[in-house]
């Protein structure tokens, strides 16, 4: 990395730290208004700071608080739309699991089980962050224990456990909301 790039990254980090210090409560309150689930709020919060980090001309923004408000609302809406879409896909997936399909014979049943596993893996990858889905798939699909999975991901065991816990909570929340929608 060149000296110029390092200086730019340091400037960007200082600017983000200043934004964090000055506007953290404001960002948190807008997100809290938009999303009731703590895990969703954390994901939206991260998305906001990713956008801020990627934005090249932060110093050119005239009314920064208004810009932040619009950014947070847009990211919240985008996140919630994606979440609803994933929940609908999960509901459709669950709807495909009818008893008639299972009774068509051994080969067909084996093929359906493989399709179910593939669909579930795709759903996990789509619904969760990359690290959460990787942790869950290592633990439950590849059958690694916590230490092995953490080593494979290059993280501490406690970090892996957090990824798995948060990921499973998100999946439980999605399933609960689907069940409520079915009632």
N, C-alpha and C. Protein backbone atom coordinates (compact mmCIF):
# COMPACT_ATOMS: atom_id res chain seq x y z
N UNK A 1 0.86 -1.18 0.00
CA UNK A 1 0.00 0.00 0.00
C UNK A 1 0.90 1.23 0.00
N UNK A 2 0.59 2.17 -0.86
CA UNK A 2 1.42 3.37 -0.96
C UNK A 2 1.14 4.30 0.23
N UNK A 3 2.06 5.25 0.43
CA UNK A 3 1.91 6.22 1.52
C UNK A 3 0.64 7.03 1.32
N UNK A 4 0.35 7.38 0.08
CA UNK A 4 -0.86 8.17 -0.21
C UNK A 4 -2.12 7.41 0.18
N UNK A 5 -2.15 6.10 -0.16
CA UNK A 5 -3.31 5.27 0.21
C UNK A 5 -3.42 5.14 1.72
N UNK A 6 -2.30 4.99 2.41
CA UNK A 6 -2.32 4.88 3.87
C UNK A 6 -2.86 6.16 4.49
N UNK A 7 -2.39 7.31 3.99
CA UNK A 7 -2.88 8.59 4.50
C UNK A 7 -4.38 8.74 4.26
N UNK A 8 -4.84 8.31 3.09
CA UNK A 8 -6.27 8.39 2.78
C UNK A 8 -7.08 7.53 3.73
N UNK A 9 -6.60 6.30 3.98
CA UNK A 9 -7.31 5.40 4.90
C UNK A 9 -7.32 5.95 6.32
N UNK A 10 -6.22 6.55 6.74
CA UNK A 10 -6.16 7.15 8.08
C UNK A 10 -7.12 8.33 8.18
N UNK A 11 -7.15 9.17 7.13
CA UNK A 11 -8.10 10.29 7.11
C UNK A 11 -9.53 9.78 7.16
N UNK A 12 -9.82 8.75 6.39
CA UNK A 12 -11.16 8.16 6.36
C UNK A 12 -11.52 7.61 7.74
N UNK A 13 -10.57 6.94 8.39
CA UNK A 13 -10.82 6.38 9.72
C UNK A 13 -11.08 7.49 10.74
N UNK A 14 -10.31 8.57 10.66
CA UNK A 14 -10.55 9.70 11.58
C UNK A 14 -11.91 10.32 11.33
N UNK A 15 -12.29 10.46 10.06
CA UNK A 15 -13.60 11.04 9.74
C UNK A 15 -14.72 10.15 10.26
N UNK A 16 -14.58 8.85 10.10
CA UNK A 16 -15.61 7.93 10.60
C UNK A 16 -15.67 7.94 12.12
N UNK A 17 -14.52 8.04 12.76
CA UNK A 17 -14.50 8.11 14.23
C UNK A 17 -15.21 9.37 14.70
N UNK A 18 -15.01 10.46 14.00
CA UNK A 18 -15.68 11.72 14.35
C UNK A 18 -17.20 11.58 14.16
N UNK A 19 -17.60 10.98 13.05
CA UNK A 19 -19.03 10.75 12.81
C UNK A 19 -19.60 9.88 13.91
N UNK A 20 -18.87 8.84 14.26
CA UNK A 20 -19.33 7.94 15.32
C UNK A 20 -19.52 8.70 16.62
N UNK A 21 -18.55 9.52 16.99
CA UNK A 21 -18.64 10.27 18.25
C UNK A 21 -19.81 11.26 18.23
N UNK A 22 -19.98 11.95 17.14
CA UNK A 22 -20.97 13.02 17.09
C UNK A 22 -22.39 12.54 16.80
N UNK A 23 -22.52 11.46 16.04
CA UNK A 23 -23.85 11.09 15.55
C UNK A 23 -24.30 9.68 15.95
N UNK A 24 -23.54 8.99 16.76
CA UNK A 24 -23.89 7.62 17.11
C UNK A 24 -25.29 7.51 17.72
N UNK A 25 -25.60 8.32 18.70
CA UNK A 25 -26.93 8.25 19.33
C UNK A 25 -28.04 8.55 18.34
N UNK A 26 -27.80 9.52 17.48
CA UNK A 26 -28.79 9.87 16.47
C UNK A 26 -29.03 8.69 15.53
N UNK A 27 -27.95 8.09 15.03
CA UNK A 27 -28.07 6.94 14.12
C UNK A 27 -28.79 5.80 14.82
N UNK A 28 -28.40 5.51 16.06
CA UNK A 28 -29.02 4.42 16.82
C UNK A 28 -30.51 4.66 17.01
N UNK A 29 -30.90 5.89 17.32
CA UNK A 29 -32.33 6.17 17.56
C UNK A 29 -33.15 6.04 16.29
N UNK A 30 -32.61 6.48 15.16
CA UNK A 30 -33.34 6.33 13.89
C UNK A 30 -33.49 4.85 13.54
N UNK A 31 -32.41 4.09 13.74
CA UNK A 31 -32.47 2.65 13.46
C UNK A 31 -33.46 1.97 14.39
N UNK A 32 -33.44 2.34 15.67
CA UNK A 32 -34.34 1.72 16.64
C UNK A 32 -35.80 1.98 16.26
N UNK A 33 -36.08 3.13 15.71
CA UNK A 33 -37.42 3.44 15.27
C UNK A 33 -37.83 2.56 14.10
N UNK A 34 -36.87 2.22 13.24
CA UNK A 34 -37.16 1.45 12.03
C UNK A 34 -37.19 -0.05 12.27
N UNK A 35 -36.32 -0.56 13.13
CA UNK A 35 -36.20 -2.01 13.32
C UNK A 35 -36.32 -2.33 14.81
N UNK A 36 -37.20 -3.24 15.12
CA UNK A 36 -37.44 -3.60 16.52
C UNK A 36 -36.51 -4.70 17.02
N UNK A 37 -35.96 -5.48 16.13
CA UNK A 37 -35.12 -6.61 16.47
C UNK A 37 -33.67 -6.14 16.64
N UNK A 38 -33.01 -6.49 17.74
CA UNK A 38 -31.64 -6.05 18.01
C UNK A 38 -30.67 -6.51 16.94
N UNK A 39 -30.79 -7.75 16.50
CA UNK A 39 -29.88 -8.25 15.45
C UNK A 39 -30.06 -7.45 14.16
N UNK A 40 -31.30 -7.12 13.82
CA UNK A 40 -31.56 -6.30 12.62
C UNK A 40 -30.94 -4.92 12.79
N UNK A 41 -31.09 -4.34 13.97
CA UNK A 41 -30.53 -3.01 14.21
C UNK A 41 -29.01 -3.01 14.03
N UNK A 42 -28.37 -4.07 14.54
CA UNK A 42 -26.91 -4.17 14.40
C UNK A 42 -26.51 -4.28 12.94
N UNK A 43 -27.25 -5.08 12.17
CA UNK A 43 -26.93 -5.24 10.75
C UNK A 43 -27.12 -3.93 10.00
N UNK A 44 -28.19 -3.22 10.28
CA UNK A 44 -28.44 -1.94 9.62
C UNK A 44 -27.34 -0.94 9.99
N UNK A 45 -26.98 -0.92 11.25
CA UNK A 45 -25.92 -0.02 11.74
C UNK A 45 -24.62 -0.26 10.96
N UNK A 46 -24.27 -1.53 10.80
CA UNK A 46 -23.06 -1.86 10.06
C UNK A 46 -23.18 -1.40 8.60
N UNK A 47 -24.34 -1.61 8.00
CA UNK A 47 -24.54 -1.20 6.61
C UNK A 47 -24.36 0.31 6.45
N UNK A 48 -24.86 1.07 7.42
CA UNK A 48 -24.72 2.53 7.37
C UNK A 48 -23.25 2.92 7.36
N UNK A 49 -22.47 2.31 8.25
CA UNK A 49 -21.06 2.67 8.31
C UNK A 49 -20.27 2.15 7.11
N UNK A 50 -20.70 1.07 6.51
CA UNK A 50 -20.06 0.61 5.28
C UNK A 50 -20.27 1.65 4.18
N UNK A 51 -21.49 2.16 4.06
CA UNK A 51 -21.76 3.19 3.06
C UNK A 51 -20.93 4.44 3.34
N UNK A 52 -20.87 4.84 4.60
CA UNK A 52 -20.09 6.02 4.95
C UNK A 52 -18.61 5.82 4.64
N UNK A 53 -18.11 4.63 4.90
CA UNK A 53 -16.71 4.35 4.62
C UNK A 53 -16.42 4.40 3.11
N UNK A 54 -17.38 3.94 2.32
CA UNK A 54 -17.17 3.88 0.87
C UNK A 54 -17.41 5.22 0.18
N UNK A 55 -18.14 6.11 0.85
CA UNK A 55 -18.46 7.40 0.23
C UNK A 55 -17.21 8.26 0.18
N UNK A 56 -16.87 8.70 -1.01
CA UNK A 56 -15.61 9.42 -1.22
C UNK A 56 -15.67 10.88 -0.78
N UNK A 57 -16.82 11.50 -0.85
CA UNK A 57 -16.90 12.95 -0.63
C UNK A 57 -17.75 13.34 0.58
N UNK A 58 -17.45 12.76 1.73
CA UNK A 58 -18.21 13.07 2.94
C UNK A 58 -18.12 14.55 3.31
N UNK A 59 -16.97 15.14 3.05
CA UNK A 59 -16.78 16.54 3.43
C UNK A 59 -17.55 17.51 2.51
N UNK A 60 -18.10 17.02 1.43
CA UNK A 60 -18.86 17.86 0.51
C UNK A 60 -20.35 17.96 0.88
N UNK A 61 -20.79 17.19 1.85
CA UNK A 61 -22.20 17.15 2.22
C UNK A 61 -22.54 18.39 3.04
N UNK A 62 -23.57 19.11 2.59
CA UNK A 62 -23.96 20.36 3.22
C UNK A 62 -24.62 20.14 4.59
N UNK A 63 -25.73 19.40 4.59
CA UNK A 63 -26.49 19.15 5.83
C UNK A 63 -26.27 17.68 6.22
N UNK A 64 -25.23 17.43 6.98
CA UNK A 64 -24.82 16.06 7.25
C UNK A 64 -25.86 15.28 8.06
N UNK A 65 -26.51 15.92 8.99
CA UNK A 65 -27.50 15.21 9.81
C UNK A 65 -28.69 14.76 8.95
N UNK A 66 -29.11 15.59 8.03
CA UNK A 66 -30.20 15.21 7.11
C UNK A 66 -29.74 14.07 6.20
N UNK A 67 -28.51 14.18 5.73
CA UNK A 67 -27.96 13.11 4.89
C UNK A 67 -27.95 11.80 5.67
N UNK A 68 -27.48 11.84 6.92
CA UNK A 68 -27.45 10.64 7.76
C UNK A 68 -28.85 10.07 7.97
N UNK A 69 -29.80 10.94 8.23
CA UNK A 69 -31.17 10.49 8.45
C UNK A 69 -31.69 9.75 7.21
N UNK A 70 -31.51 10.35 6.04
CA UNK A 70 -31.97 9.71 4.80
C UNK A 70 -31.23 8.39 4.57
N UNK A 71 -29.92 8.38 4.82
CA UNK A 71 -29.13 7.17 4.64
C UNK A 71 -29.63 6.05 5.56
N UNK A 72 -29.84 6.37 6.82
CA UNK A 72 -30.29 5.35 7.78
C UNK A 72 -31.68 4.83 7.40
N UNK A 73 -32.58 5.73 7.06
CA UNK A 73 -33.93 5.30 6.66
C UNK A 73 -33.86 4.43 5.41
N UNK A 74 -33.09 4.84 4.42
CA UNK A 74 -32.97 4.05 3.19
C UNK A 74 -32.36 2.68 3.46
N UNK A 75 -31.31 2.63 4.26
CA UNK A 75 -30.68 1.34 4.59
C UNK A 75 -31.63 0.46 5.41
N UNK A 76 -32.39 1.07 6.30
CA UNK A 76 -33.36 0.31 7.10
C UNK A 76 -34.43 -0.28 6.19
N UNK A 77 -34.97 0.53 5.31
CA UNK A 77 -36.00 0.05 4.39
C UNK A 77 -35.47 -1.05 3.48
N UNK A 78 -34.26 -0.84 2.95
CA UNK A 78 -33.64 -1.84 2.08
C UNK A 78 -33.43 -3.16 2.83
N UNK A 79 -32.92 -3.06 4.06
CA UNK A 79 -32.68 -4.25 4.86
C UNK A 79 -33.99 -4.98 5.14
N UNK A 80 -35.02 -4.24 5.54
CA UNK A 80 -36.28 -4.88 5.89
C UNK A 80 -36.97 -5.48 4.66
N UNK A 81 -36.84 -4.82 3.50
CA UNK A 81 -37.39 -5.41 2.26
C UNK A 81 -36.70 -6.73 1.95
N UNK A 82 -35.38 -6.75 2.07
CA UNK A 82 -34.63 -7.99 1.82
C UNK A 82 -35.03 -9.08 2.81
N UNK A 83 -35.21 -8.68 4.05
CA UNK A 83 -35.58 -9.66 5.08
C UNK A 83 -36.95 -10.25 4.78
N UNK A 84 -37.90 -9.41 4.41
CA UNK A 84 -39.24 -9.90 4.07
C UNK A 84 -39.17 -10.83 2.87
N UNK A 85 -38.36 -10.46 1.88
CA UNK A 85 -38.20 -11.30 0.70
C UNK A 85 -37.63 -12.66 1.09
N UNK A 86 -36.62 -12.67 1.95
CA UNK A 86 -36.05 -13.94 2.41
C UNK A 86 -37.09 -14.76 3.17
N UNK A 87 -37.90 -14.10 3.98
CA UNK A 87 -38.93 -14.81 4.74
C UNK A 87 -39.97 -15.42 3.82
N UNK A 88 -40.32 -14.72 2.76
CA UNK A 88 -41.27 -15.25 1.78
C UNK A 88 -40.66 -16.46 1.09
N UNK A 89 -39.38 -16.35 0.71
CA UNK A 89 -38.71 -17.49 0.08
C UNK A 89 -38.65 -18.68 1.02
N UNK A 90 -38.39 -18.44 2.29
CA UNK A 90 -38.36 -19.52 3.26
C UNK A 90 -39.74 -20.15 3.40
N UNK A 91 -40.75 -19.33 3.42
CA UNK A 91 -42.13 -19.83 3.52
C UNK A 91 -42.45 -20.70 2.30
N UNK A 92 -42.05 -20.24 1.12
CA UNK A 92 -42.28 -21.03 -0.09
C UNK A 92 -41.51 -22.35 -0.01
N UNK A 93 -40.29 -22.28 0.49
CA UNK A 93 -39.48 -23.48 0.64
C UNK A 93 -40.16 -24.46 1.58
N UNK A 94 -40.63 -23.98 2.70
CA UNK A 94 -41.32 -24.85 3.66
C UNK A 94 -42.58 -25.42 3.04
N UNK A 95 -43.27 -24.61 2.24
CA UNK A 95 -44.48 -25.08 1.56
C UNK A 95 -44.20 -26.20 0.58
N UNK A 96 -43.00 -26.26 0.03
CA UNK A 96 -42.63 -27.32 -0.91
C UNK A 96 -42.44 -28.66 -0.22
N UNK A 97 -42.32 -28.65 1.08
CA UNK A 97 -42.04 -29.88 1.82
C UNK A 97 -43.33 -30.63 2.15
N UNK A 98 -44.11 -30.95 1.15
CA UNK A 98 -45.40 -31.63 1.37
C UNK A 98 -45.19 -33.13 1.54
N UNK A 99 -46.08 -33.80 2.29
CA UNK A 99 -45.95 -35.24 2.51
C UNK A 99 -46.09 -36.04 1.21
N UNK A 100 -46.85 -35.53 0.22
CA UNK A 100 -47.03 -36.26 -1.04
C UNK A 100 -45.70 -36.43 -1.76
N UNK A 101 -44.85 -35.41 -1.72
CA UNK A 101 -43.58 -35.47 -2.43
C UNK A 101 -42.65 -36.51 -1.81
N UNK A 102 -42.75 -36.71 -0.51
CA UNK A 102 -41.87 -37.64 0.18
C UNK A 102 -42.25 -39.10 -0.11
N UNK A 103 -43.51 -39.40 -0.44
CA UNK A 103 -43.97 -40.77 -0.60
C UNK A 103 -43.83 -41.28 -2.03
N UNK A 104 -43.09 -40.63 -2.89
CA UNK A 104 -42.98 -41.05 -4.28
C UNK A 104 -41.92 -42.12 -4.52
N UNK A 105 -41.22 -42.54 -3.51
CA UNK A 105 -40.24 -43.60 -3.68
C UNK A 105 -38.87 -43.20 -3.19
N UNK A 106 -37.99 -44.22 -3.04
CA UNK A 106 -36.67 -44.02 -2.46
C UNK A 106 -35.79 -43.07 -3.24
N UNK A 107 -35.64 -43.29 -4.56
CA UNK A 107 -34.75 -42.44 -5.34
C UNK A 107 -35.24 -41.00 -5.35
N UNK A 108 -36.51 -40.85 -5.54
CA UNK A 108 -37.10 -39.51 -5.55
C UNK A 108 -36.94 -38.87 -4.18
N UNK A 109 -37.11 -39.66 -3.13
CA UNK A 109 -36.96 -39.14 -1.78
C UNK A 109 -35.53 -38.70 -1.52
N UNK A 110 -34.54 -39.49 -1.94
CA UNK A 110 -33.14 -39.11 -1.77
C UNK A 110 -32.83 -37.83 -2.53
N UNK A 111 -33.37 -37.72 -3.74
CA UNK A 111 -33.14 -36.52 -4.54
C UNK A 111 -33.75 -35.30 -3.86
N UNK A 112 -34.94 -35.46 -3.30
CA UNK A 112 -35.59 -34.35 -2.61
C UNK A 112 -34.81 -33.94 -1.36
N UNK A 113 -34.28 -34.90 -0.64
CA UNK A 113 -33.49 -34.58 0.55
C UNK A 113 -32.26 -33.76 0.15
N UNK A 114 -31.58 -34.18 -0.92
CA UNK A 114 -30.42 -33.41 -1.39
C UNK A 114 -30.83 -32.00 -1.82
N UNK A 115 -31.97 -31.89 -2.51
CA UNK A 115 -32.46 -30.57 -2.92
C UNK A 115 -32.79 -29.72 -1.70
N UNK A 116 -33.38 -30.34 -0.67
CA UNK A 116 -33.71 -29.62 0.56
C UNK A 116 -32.45 -29.08 1.23
N UNK A 117 -31.43 -29.92 1.31
CA UNK A 117 -30.17 -29.50 1.93
C UNK A 117 -29.58 -28.34 1.13
N UNK A 118 -29.55 -28.47 -0.19
CA UNK A 118 -29.01 -27.40 -1.04
C UNK A 118 -29.82 -26.11 -0.87
N UNK A 119 -31.14 -26.24 -0.83
CA UNK A 119 -31.98 -25.06 -0.65
C UNK A 119 -31.76 -24.41 0.71
N UNK A 120 -31.62 -25.23 1.74
CA UNK A 120 -31.38 -24.70 3.07
C UNK A 120 -30.03 -24.00 3.15
N UNK A 121 -29.01 -24.57 2.50
CA UNK A 121 -27.69 -23.94 2.48
C UNK A 121 -27.79 -22.58 1.77
N UNK A 122 -28.48 -22.55 0.63
CA UNK A 122 -28.66 -21.28 -0.09
C UNK A 122 -29.38 -20.27 0.78
N UNK A 123 -30.40 -20.73 1.47
CA UNK A 123 -31.17 -19.84 2.33
C UNK A 123 -30.32 -19.30 3.48
N UNK A 124 -29.52 -20.16 4.08
CA UNK A 124 -28.64 -19.72 5.17
C UNK A 124 -27.66 -18.68 4.65
N UNK A 125 -27.09 -18.92 3.48
CA UNK A 125 -26.14 -17.97 2.90
C UNK A 125 -26.81 -16.64 2.58
N UNK A 126 -28.07 -16.69 2.18
CA UNK A 126 -28.78 -15.47 1.81
C UNK A 126 -29.27 -14.69 3.03
N UNK A 127 -29.70 -15.39 4.06
CA UNK A 127 -30.31 -14.74 5.22
C UNK A 127 -29.29 -14.21 6.22
N UNK A 128 -28.12 -14.80 6.24
CA UNK A 128 -27.15 -14.44 7.26
C UNK A 128 -25.94 -13.76 6.64
N UNK A 129 -25.17 -13.13 7.49
CA UNK A 129 -23.91 -12.55 7.01
C UNK A 129 -23.00 -13.69 6.57
N UNK A 130 -21.99 -13.35 5.81
CA UNK A 130 -21.07 -14.37 5.31
C UNK A 130 -20.43 -15.15 6.45
N UNK A 131 -19.99 -14.46 7.48
CA UNK A 131 -19.31 -15.12 8.59
C UNK A 131 -20.28 -16.01 9.38
N UNK A 132 -21.51 -15.53 9.60
CA UNK A 132 -22.50 -16.33 10.32
C UNK A 132 -22.84 -17.59 9.54
N UNK A 133 -23.07 -17.45 8.24
CA UNK A 133 -23.42 -18.63 7.44
C UNK A 133 -22.25 -19.61 7.38
N UNK A 134 -21.03 -19.09 7.23
CA UNK A 134 -19.86 -19.96 7.20
C UNK A 134 -19.74 -20.74 8.51
N UNK A 135 -19.93 -20.05 9.64
CA UNK A 135 -19.82 -20.71 10.95
C UNK A 135 -20.89 -21.79 11.11
N UNK A 136 -22.11 -21.48 10.74
CA UNK A 136 -23.20 -22.45 10.88
C UNK A 136 -22.98 -23.65 9.97
N UNK A 137 -22.56 -23.40 8.75
CA UNK A 137 -22.35 -24.52 7.82
C UNK A 137 -21.17 -25.39 8.26
N UNK A 138 -20.12 -24.78 8.78
CA UNK A 138 -19.01 -25.59 9.29
C UNK A 138 -19.45 -26.45 10.47
N UNK A 139 -20.25 -25.86 11.34
CA UNK A 139 -20.69 -26.60 12.54
C UNK A 139 -21.71 -27.69 12.22
N UNK A 140 -22.71 -27.37 11.40
CA UNK A 140 -23.84 -28.28 11.26
C UNK A 140 -23.86 -29.07 9.95
N UNK A 141 -23.24 -28.57 8.91
CA UNK A 141 -23.20 -29.32 7.65
C UNK A 141 -21.92 -30.14 7.58
N UNK A 142 -20.80 -29.51 7.92
CA UNK A 142 -19.51 -30.21 7.87
C UNK A 142 -19.19 -30.94 9.17
N UNK A 143 -19.99 -30.70 10.20
CA UNK A 143 -19.88 -31.39 11.50
C UNK A 143 -18.55 -31.15 12.20
N UNK A 144 -18.01 -29.93 12.08
CA UNK A 144 -16.81 -29.57 12.84
C UNK A 144 -17.23 -29.19 14.24
N UNK A 145 -16.35 -29.45 15.23
CA UNK A 145 -16.63 -28.93 16.56
C UNK A 145 -16.21 -27.45 16.58
N UNK A 146 -16.47 -26.77 17.69
CA UNK A 146 -16.21 -25.33 17.76
C UNK A 146 -14.74 -24.99 17.49
N UNK A 147 -13.83 -25.76 18.07
CA UNK A 147 -12.41 -25.47 17.89
C UNK A 147 -11.99 -25.63 16.43
N UNK A 148 -12.43 -26.74 15.81
CA UNK A 148 -12.07 -26.98 14.40
C UNK A 148 -12.66 -25.91 13.49
N UNK A 149 -13.91 -25.58 13.71
CA UNK A 149 -14.56 -24.57 12.87
C UNK A 149 -13.89 -23.21 13.04
N UNK A 150 -13.55 -22.86 14.28
CA UNK A 150 -12.87 -21.58 14.53
C UNK A 150 -11.52 -21.55 13.83
N UNK A 151 -10.79 -22.64 13.92
CA UNK A 151 -9.49 -22.73 13.25
C UNK A 151 -9.65 -22.59 11.73
N UNK A 152 -10.65 -23.26 11.18
CA UNK A 152 -10.91 -23.21 9.74
C UNK A 152 -11.25 -21.78 9.29
N UNK A 153 -11.97 -21.03 10.14
CA UNK A 153 -12.35 -19.66 9.80
C UNK A 153 -11.26 -18.65 10.16
N UNK A 154 -10.29 -19.07 10.95
CA UNK A 154 -9.23 -18.17 11.37
C UNK A 154 -9.68 -17.17 12.42
N UNK A 155 -10.58 -17.62 13.31
CA UNK A 155 -11.08 -16.75 14.38
C UNK A 155 -10.95 -17.48 15.72
N UNK A 156 -11.16 -16.74 16.80
CA UNK A 156 -11.18 -17.33 18.14
C UNK A 156 -12.44 -18.17 18.30
N UNK A 157 -12.38 -19.14 19.19
CA UNK A 157 -13.53 -20.01 19.45
C UNK A 157 -14.73 -19.18 19.90
N UNK A 158 -14.52 -18.18 20.74
CA UNK A 158 -15.61 -17.34 21.24
C UNK A 158 -16.28 -16.57 20.10
N UNK A 159 -15.47 -16.13 19.14
CA UNK A 159 -16.02 -15.42 17.98
C UNK A 159 -16.89 -16.35 17.16
N UNK A 160 -16.41 -17.56 16.94
CA UNK A 160 -17.20 -18.54 16.20
C UNK A 160 -18.52 -18.80 16.91
N UNK A 161 -18.48 -18.97 18.21
CA UNK A 161 -19.70 -19.23 18.98
C UNK A 161 -20.67 -18.07 18.83
N UNK A 162 -20.16 -16.85 18.82
CA UNK A 162 -21.02 -15.68 18.63
C UNK A 162 -21.67 -15.70 17.24
N UNK A 163 -20.87 -16.02 16.20
CA UNK A 163 -21.43 -16.10 14.85
C UNK A 163 -22.55 -17.13 14.79
N UNK A 164 -22.31 -18.30 15.38
CA UNK A 164 -23.31 -19.36 15.36
C UNK A 164 -24.56 -18.92 16.13
N UNK A 165 -24.37 -18.35 17.31
CA UNK A 165 -25.50 -17.92 18.14
C UNK A 165 -26.36 -16.87 17.44
N UNK A 166 -25.70 -15.85 16.91
CA UNK A 166 -26.43 -14.78 16.22
C UNK A 166 -27.13 -15.33 14.98
N UNK A 167 -26.42 -16.18 14.22
CA UNK A 167 -27.02 -16.76 13.02
C UNK A 167 -28.23 -17.61 13.33
N UNK A 168 -28.13 -18.45 14.34
CA UNK A 168 -29.27 -19.29 14.72
C UNK A 168 -30.44 -18.45 15.22
N UNK A 169 -30.14 -17.39 15.97
CA UNK A 169 -31.21 -16.51 16.44
C UNK A 169 -31.93 -15.88 15.26
N UNK A 170 -31.18 -15.42 14.27
CA UNK A 170 -31.81 -14.83 13.08
C UNK A 170 -32.69 -15.85 12.37
N UNK A 171 -32.19 -17.08 12.23
CA UNK A 171 -32.98 -18.12 11.57
C UNK A 171 -34.25 -18.43 12.36
N UNK A 172 -34.13 -18.49 13.70
CA UNK A 172 -35.32 -18.73 14.53
C UNK A 172 -36.33 -17.60 14.36
N UNK A 173 -35.84 -16.35 14.33
CA UNK A 173 -36.74 -15.21 14.15
C UNK A 173 -37.47 -15.28 12.81
N UNK A 174 -36.76 -15.67 11.77
CA UNK A 174 -37.38 -15.79 10.45
C UNK A 174 -38.45 -16.87 10.48
N UNK A 175 -38.14 -18.00 11.07
CA UNK A 175 -39.12 -19.10 11.14
C UNK A 175 -40.33 -18.70 11.98
N UNK A 176 -40.10 -17.99 13.10
CA UNK A 176 -41.22 -17.52 13.93
C UNK A 176 -42.13 -16.59 13.13
N UNK A 177 -41.53 -15.67 12.40
CA UNK A 177 -42.35 -14.72 11.64
C UNK A 177 -43.13 -15.43 10.53
N UNK A 178 -42.54 -16.46 9.95
CA UNK A 178 -43.26 -17.23 8.93
C UNK A 178 -44.44 -17.96 9.56
N UNK A 179 -44.21 -18.55 10.71
CA UNK A 179 -45.30 -19.25 11.40
C UNK A 179 -46.42 -18.30 11.78
N UNK A 180 -46.05 -17.08 12.24
CA UNK A 180 -47.09 -16.09 12.56
C UNK A 180 -47.87 -15.71 11.31
N UNK A 181 -47.18 -15.57 10.19
CA UNK A 181 -47.83 -15.18 8.94
C UNK A 181 -48.77 -16.28 8.45
N UNK A 182 -48.45 -17.52 8.76
CA UNK A 182 -49.30 -18.63 8.33
C UNK A 182 -50.58 -18.73 9.14
N UNK A 183 -50.60 -18.19 10.34
CA UNK A 183 -51.78 -18.29 11.21
C UNK A 183 -52.87 -17.35 10.79
